[in-house]
């Protein structure tokens, strides 16, 4: 009997979450959902956490499967290009094929996140310029009694990066 009760409770929870999800997608507020379903607001918020977590997981799985499918298609295309590349006698066609192979490799690298931007290294004079510009914009809005503390913090940052 207890298993049957648990199964019924689980079914009720699943049904309630399905209704909450539908109402949220229909742009209803939590208060409207509370009134419509006669469910405590805290329960709605807890259910929304579960619902949104499931949506995120589904979205990530969908994106991952799309990326995997596209990577497989790129690999197949590159394989065809490479097999053709070995048989090309015309230099112009050979170069076009080579450019296409490189474009395919670059696309694969981007999809795999291997195209990360290079790290930007700022020298001390550039850092000082940035701090000066920021201070010029911020200081007028800082209360007079807090300006000395701000100046001390800025000097500590500058000292940390001084050469």
C-alpha atoms as a PDB file:
ATOM      1  CA  UNK A   1       0.000   0.000   0.000  1.00  0.00           C
ATOM      2  CA  UNK A   2       2.777   2.539   0.828  1.00  0.00           C
ATOM      3  CA  UNK A   3       4.316   2.044  -2.633  1.00  0.00           C
ATOM      4  CA  UNK A   4       0.962   2.792  -4.220  1.00  0.00           C
ATOM      5  CA  UNK A   5       0.655   6.019  -2.206  1.00  0.00           C
ATOM      6  CA  UNK A   6       4.165   7.062  -3.187  1.00  0.00           C
ATOM      7  CA  UNK A   7       3.437   6.330  -6.836  1.00  0.00           C
ATOM      8  CA  UNK A   8       0.258   8.406  -6.653  1.00  0.00           C
ATOM      9  CA  UNK A   9       2.123  11.284  -4.951  1.00  0.00           C
ATOM     10  CA  UNK A  10       4.844  11.146  -7.596  1.00  0.00           C
ATOM     11  CA  UNK A  11       2.229  11.201 -10.333  1.00  0.00           C
ATOM     12  CA  UNK A  12       0.585  14.237  -8.689  1.00  0.00           C
ATOM     13  CA  UNK A  13       3.936  16.036  -8.471  1.00  0.00           C
ATOM     14  CA  UNK A  14       4.739  15.277 -12.095  1.00  0.00           C
ATOM     15  CA  UNK A  15       1.296  16.501 -13.159  1.00  0.00           C
ATOM     16  CA  UNK A  16       1.603  19.672 -11.040  1.00  0.00           C
ATOM     17  CA  UNK A  17       5.048  20.441 -12.495  1.00  0.00           C
ATOM     18  CA  UNK A  18       3.725  19.884 -16.008  1.00  0.00           C
ATOM     19  CA  UNK A  19       0.925  22.379 -15.310  1.00  0.00           C
ATOM     20  CA  UNK A  20       3.332  24.904 -13.746  1.00  0.00           C
ATOM     21  CA  UNK A  21       5.690  24.618 -16.712  1.00  0.00           C
ATOM     22  CA  UNK A  22       2.832  25.176 -19.156  1.00  0.00           C
ATOM     23  CA  UNK A  23       1.637  28.228 -17.212  1.00  0.00           C
ATOM     24  CA  UNK A  24       5.158  29.686 -16.977  1.00  0.00           C
ATOM     25  CA  UNK A  25       5.591  29.221 -20.726  1.00  0.00           C
ATOM     26  CA  UNK A  26       2.249  31.013 -21.150  1.00  0.00           C
ATOM     27  CA  UNK A  27       3.743  34.000 -19.267  1.00  0.00           C
ATOM     28  CA  UNK A  28       1.718  33.548 -16.050  1.00  0.00           C
ATOM     29  CA  UNK A  29       3.238  34.945 -12.866  1.00  0.00           C
ATOM     30  CA  UNK A  30       3.892  32.821  -9.787  1.00  0.00           C
ATOM     31  CA  UNK A  31       1.026  34.584  -8.029  1.00  0.00           C
ATOM     32  CA  UNK A  32      -1.336  33.721 -10.893  1.00  0.00           C
ATOM     33  CA  UNK A  33      -0.179  30.103 -10.809  1.00  0.00           C
ATOM     34  CA  UNK A  34      -0.683  30.010  -7.036  1.00  0.00           C
ATOM     35  CA  UNK A  35      -4.278  31.192  -7.446  1.00  0.00           C
ATOM     36  CA  UNK A  36      -5.014  28.992 -10.425  1.00  0.00           C
ATOM     37  CA  UNK A  37      -3.601  25.724  -9.067  1.00  0.00           C
ATOM     38  CA  UNK A  38      -4.185  26.357  -5.319  1.00  0.00           C
ATOM     39  CA  UNK A  39      -0.566  25.463  -4.598  1.00  0.00           C
ATOM     40  CA  UNK A  40       1.620  27.261  -2.007  1.00  0.00           C
ATOM     41  CA  UNK A  41       4.068  29.752  -3.497  1.00  0.00           C
ATOM     42  CA  UNK A  42       7.081  27.984  -1.930  1.00  0.00           C
ATOM     43  CA  UNK A  43       6.064  24.742  -3.629  1.00  0.00           C
ATOM     44  CA  UNK A  44       5.814  26.564  -6.956  1.00  0.00           C
ATOM     45  CA  UNK A  45       9.298  28.029  -6.513  1.00  0.00           C
ATOM     46  CA  UNK A  46      10.739  24.592  -5.618  1.00  0.00           C
ATOM     47  CA  UNK A  47       9.003  23.052  -8.622  1.00  0.00           C
ATOM     48  CA  UNK A  48      10.313  25.847 -10.849  1.00  0.00           C
ATOM     49  CA  UNK A  49      13.872  25.038  -9.763  1.00  0.00           C
ATOM     50  CA  UNK A  50      13.354  21.407 -10.781  1.00  0.00           C
ATOM     51  CA  UNK A  51      11.650  22.403 -14.046  1.00  0.00           C
ATOM     52  CA  UNK A  52      14.363  24.906 -15.024  1.00  0.00           C
ATOM     53  CA  UNK A  53      17.091  22.433 -14.133  1.00  0.00           C
ATOM     54  CA  UNK A  54      15.465  19.859 -16.415  1.00  0.00           C
ATOM     55  CA  UNK A  55      15.141  22.451 -19.190  1.00  0.00           C
ATOM     56  CA  UNK A  56      18.840  23.374 -18.857  1.00  0.00           C
ATOM     57  CA  UNK A  57      19.852  19.706 -18.906  1.00  0.00           C
ATOM     58  CA  UNK A  58      17.689  19.041 -21.971  1.00  0.00           C
ATOM     59  CA  UNK A  59      19.081  22.104 -23.730  1.00  0.00           C
ATOM     60  CA  UNK A  60      22.673  21.082 -23.003  1.00  0.00           C
ATOM     61  CA  UNK A  61      21.981  17.550 -24.222  1.00  0.00           C
ATOM     62  CA  UNK A  62      20.363  18.942 -27.381  1.00  0.00           C
ATOM     63  CA  UNK A  63      23.301  21.283 -28.023  1.00  0.00           C
ATOM     64  CA  UNK A  64      25.808  18.511 -27.345  1.00  0.00           C
ATOM     65  CA  UNK A  65      24.079  16.157 -29.769  1.00  0.00           C
ATOM     66  CA  UNK A  66      23.924  18.884 -32.448  1.00  0.00           C
ATOM     67  CA  UNK A  67      27.637  19.620 -31.991  1.00  0.00           C
ATOM     68  CA  UNK A  68      28.487  15.912 -32.104  1.00  0.00           C
ATOM     69  CA  UNK A  69      26.442  15.439 -35.291  1.00  0.00           C
ATOM     70  CA  UNK A  70      28.028  18.521 -36.911  1.00  0.00           C
ATOM     71  CA  UNK A  71      31.533  17.397 -35.922  1.00  0.00           C
ATOM     72  CA  UNK A  72      30.868  13.994 -37.486  1.00  0.00           C
ATOM     73  CA  UNK A  73      29.632  15.681 -40.684  1.00  0.00           C
ATOM     74  CA  UNK A  74      32.730  17.897 -40.764  1.00  0.00           C
ATOM     75  CA  UNK A  75      34.963  14.862 -40.323  1.00  0.00           C
ATOM     76  CA  UNK A  76      33.202  13.094 -43.205  1.00  0.00           C
ATOM     77  CA  UNK A  77      33.488  16.189 -45.427  1.00  0.00           C
ATOM     78  CA  UNK A  78      37.145  16.595 -44.587  1.00  0.00           C
ATOM     79  CA  UNK A  79      37.767  12.924 -45.365  1.00  0.00           C
ATOM     80  CA  UNK A  80      36.156  13.326 -48.791  1.00  0.00           C
ATOM     81  CA  UNK A  81      38.189  16.479 -49.465  1.00  0.00           C
ATOM     82  CA  UNK A  82      41.443  14.801 -48.440  1.00  0.00           C
ATOM     83  CA  UNK A  83      40.765  11.761 -50.627  1.00  0.00           C
ATOM     84  CA  UNK A  84      39.994  14.058 -53.559  1.00  0.00           C
ATOM     85  CA  UNK A  85      43.015  16.258 -52.793  1.00  0.00           C
ATOM     86  CA  UNK A  86      45.378  13.336 -53.391  1.00  0.00           C
ATOM     87  CA  UNK A  87      44.022  12.824 -56.934  1.00  0.00           C
ATOM     88  CA  UNK A  88      43.940  16.460 -58.162  1.00  0.00           C
ATOM     89  CA  UNK A  89      46.357  17.395 -60.921  1.00  0.00           C
ATOM     90  CA  UNK A  90      45.150  20.981 -61.599  1.00  0.00           C
ATOM     91  CA  UNK A  91      46.981  23.428 -59.272  1.00  0.00           C
ATOM     92  CA  UNK A  92      44.045  25.861 -58.958  1.00  0.00           C
ATOM     93  CA  UNK A  93      41.633  23.090 -58.014  1.00  0.00           C
ATOM     94  CA  UNK A  94      44.239  21.643 -55.630  1.00  0.00           C
ATOM     95  CA  UNK A  95      44.592  25.043 -53.876  1.00  0.00           C
ATOM     96  CA  UNK A  96      40.789  25.491 -53.596  1.00  0.00           C
ATOM     97  CA  UNK A  97      40.510  22.033 -52.098  1.00  0.00           C
ATOM     98  CA  UNK A  98      43.332  22.816 -49.659  1.00  0.00           C
ATOM     99  CA  UNK A  99      41.594  26.059 -48.594  1.00  0.00           C
ATOM    100  CA  UNK A 100      38.377  24.119 -48.007  1.00  0.00           C
ATOM    101  CA  UNK A 101      40.227  21.580 -45.846  1.00  0.00           C
ATOM    102  CA  UNK A 102      41.724  24.387 -43.765  1.00  0.00           C
ATOM    103  CA  UNK A 103      38.303  26.059 -43.429  1.00  0.00           C
ATOM    104  CA  UNK A 104      36.871  22.735 -42.235  1.00  0.00           C
ATOM    105  CA  UNK A 105      39.673  22.342 -39.682  1.00  0.00           C
ATOM    106  CA  UNK A 106      39.132  25.905 -38.422  1.00  0.00           C
ATOM    107  CA  UNK A 107      35.381  25.314 -38.093  1.00  0.00           C
ATOM    108  CA  UNK A 108      36.005  22.135 -36.097  1.00  0.00           C
ATOM    109  CA  UNK A 109      38.434  23.983 -33.806  1.00  0.00           C
ATOM    110  CA  UNK A 110      35.816  26.693 -33.159  1.00  0.00           C
ATOM    111  CA  UNK A 111      33.136  24.120 -32.373  1.00  0.00           C
ATOM    112  CA  UNK A 112      35.486  22.443 -29.896  1.00  0.00           C
ATOM    113  CA  UNK A 113      36.415  25.756 -28.259  1.00  0.00           C
ATOM    114  CA  UNK A 114      40.017  25.616 -29.437  1.00  0.00           C
ATOM    115  CA  UNK A 115      39.871  29.147 -30.846  1.00  0.00           C
ATOM    116  CA  UNK A 116      40.058  30.903 -27.472  1.00  0.00           C
ATOM    117  CA  UNK A 117      41.317  34.476 -27.672  1.00  0.00           C
ATOM    118  CA  UNK A 118      44.895  35.171 -26.764  1.00  0.00           C
ATOM    119  CA  UNK A 119      45.551  36.526 -23.291  1.00  0.00           C
ATOM    120  CA  UNK A 120      45.869  40.290 -23.125  1.00  0.00           C
ATOM    121  CA  UNK A 121      48.826  41.531 -21.116  1.00  0.00           C
ATOM    122  CA  UNK A 122      48.639  45.127 -19.951  1.00  0.00           C
ATOM    123  CA  UNK A 123      51.763  47.020 -19.057  1.00  0.00           C
ATOM    124  CA  UNK A 124      51.902  49.291 -16.007  1.00  0.00           C
ATOM    125  CA  UNK A 125      51.428  52.533 -17.973  1.00  0.00           C
ATOM    126  CA  UNK A 126      48.275  51.170 -19.643  1.00  0.00           C
ATOM    127  CA  UNK A 127      46.943  50.017 -16.268  1.00  0.00           C
ATOM    128  CA  UNK A 128      47.612  53.496 -14.839  1.00  0.00           C
ATOM    129  CA  UNK A 129      45.754  55.093 -17.751  1.00  0.00           C
ATOM    130  CA  UNK A 130      42.769  52.841 -17.182  1.00  0.00           C
ATOM    131  CA  UNK A 131      42.735  53.567 -13.441  1.00  0.00           C
ATOM    132  CA  UNK A 132      42.982  57.309 -14.091  1.00  0.00           C
ATOM    133  CA  UNK A 133      40.051  57.235 -16.531  1.00  0.00           C
ATOM    134  CA  UNK A 134      37.920  55.174 -14.169  1.00  0.00           C
ATOM    135  CA  UNK A 135      38.711  57.452 -11.233  1.00  0.00           C
ATOM    136  CA  UNK A 136      37.816  60.525 -13.253  1.00  0.00           C
ATOM    137  CA  UNK A 137      34.418  58.964 -13.961  1.00  0.00           C
ATOM    138  CA  UNK A 138      33.773  57.594 -10.456  1.00  0.00           C
ATOM    139  CA  UNK A 139      35.249  60.071  -7.966  1.00  0.00           C
ATOM    140  CA  UNK A 140      32.529  62.728  -8.405  1.00  0.00           C
ATOM    141  CA  UNK A 141      29.987  60.160  -7.171  1.00  0.00           C
ATOM    142  CA  UNK A 142      32.032  58.965  -4.168  1.00  0.00           C
ATOM    143  CA  UNK A 143      31.160  60.694  -0.881  1.00  0.00           C
ATOM    144  CA  UNK A 144      33.948  62.981   0.308  1.00  0.00           C
ATOM    145  CA  UNK A 145      34.542  60.950   3.483  1.00  0.00           C
ATOM    146  CA  UNK A 146      35.215  57.786   1.422  1.00  0.00           C
ATOM    147  CA  UNK A 147      37.570  59.321  -1.161  1.00  0.00           C
ATOM    148  CA  UNK A 148      40.694  58.850   0.991  1.00  0.00           C
ATOM    149  CA  UNK A 149      39.933  55.142   1.431  1.00  0.00           C
ATOM    150  CA  UNK A 150      39.400  54.827  -2.332  1.00  0.00           C
ATOM    151  CA  UNK A 151      42.698  56.609  -2.998  1.00  0.00           C
ATOM    152  CA  UNK A 152      44.488  54.197  -0.625  1.00  0.00           C
ATOM    153  CA  UNK A 153      42.987  51.182  -2.404  1.00  0.00           C
ATOM    154  CA  UNK A 154      44.019  52.544  -5.807  1.00  0.00           C
ATOM    155  CA  UNK A 155      47.575  53.148  -4.607  1.00  0.00           C
ATOM    156  CA  UNK A 156      47.718  49.596  -3.230  1.00  0.00           C
ATOM    157  CA  UNK A 157      46.673  48.245  -6.650  1.00  0.00           C
ATOM    158  CA  UNK A 158      49.220  50.435  -8.419  1.00  0.00           C
ATOM    159  CA  UNK A 159      51.975  49.321  -6.003  1.00  0.00           C
ATOM    160  CA  UNK A 160      51.132  45.682  -6.678  1.00  0.00           C
ATOM    161  CA  UNK A 161      51.793  46.143 -10.406  1.00  0.00           C
ATOM    162  CA  UNK A 162      54.694  48.574 -10.198  1.00  0.00           C
ATOM    163  CA  UNK A 163      57.842  47.414 -11.902  1.00  0.00           C
END
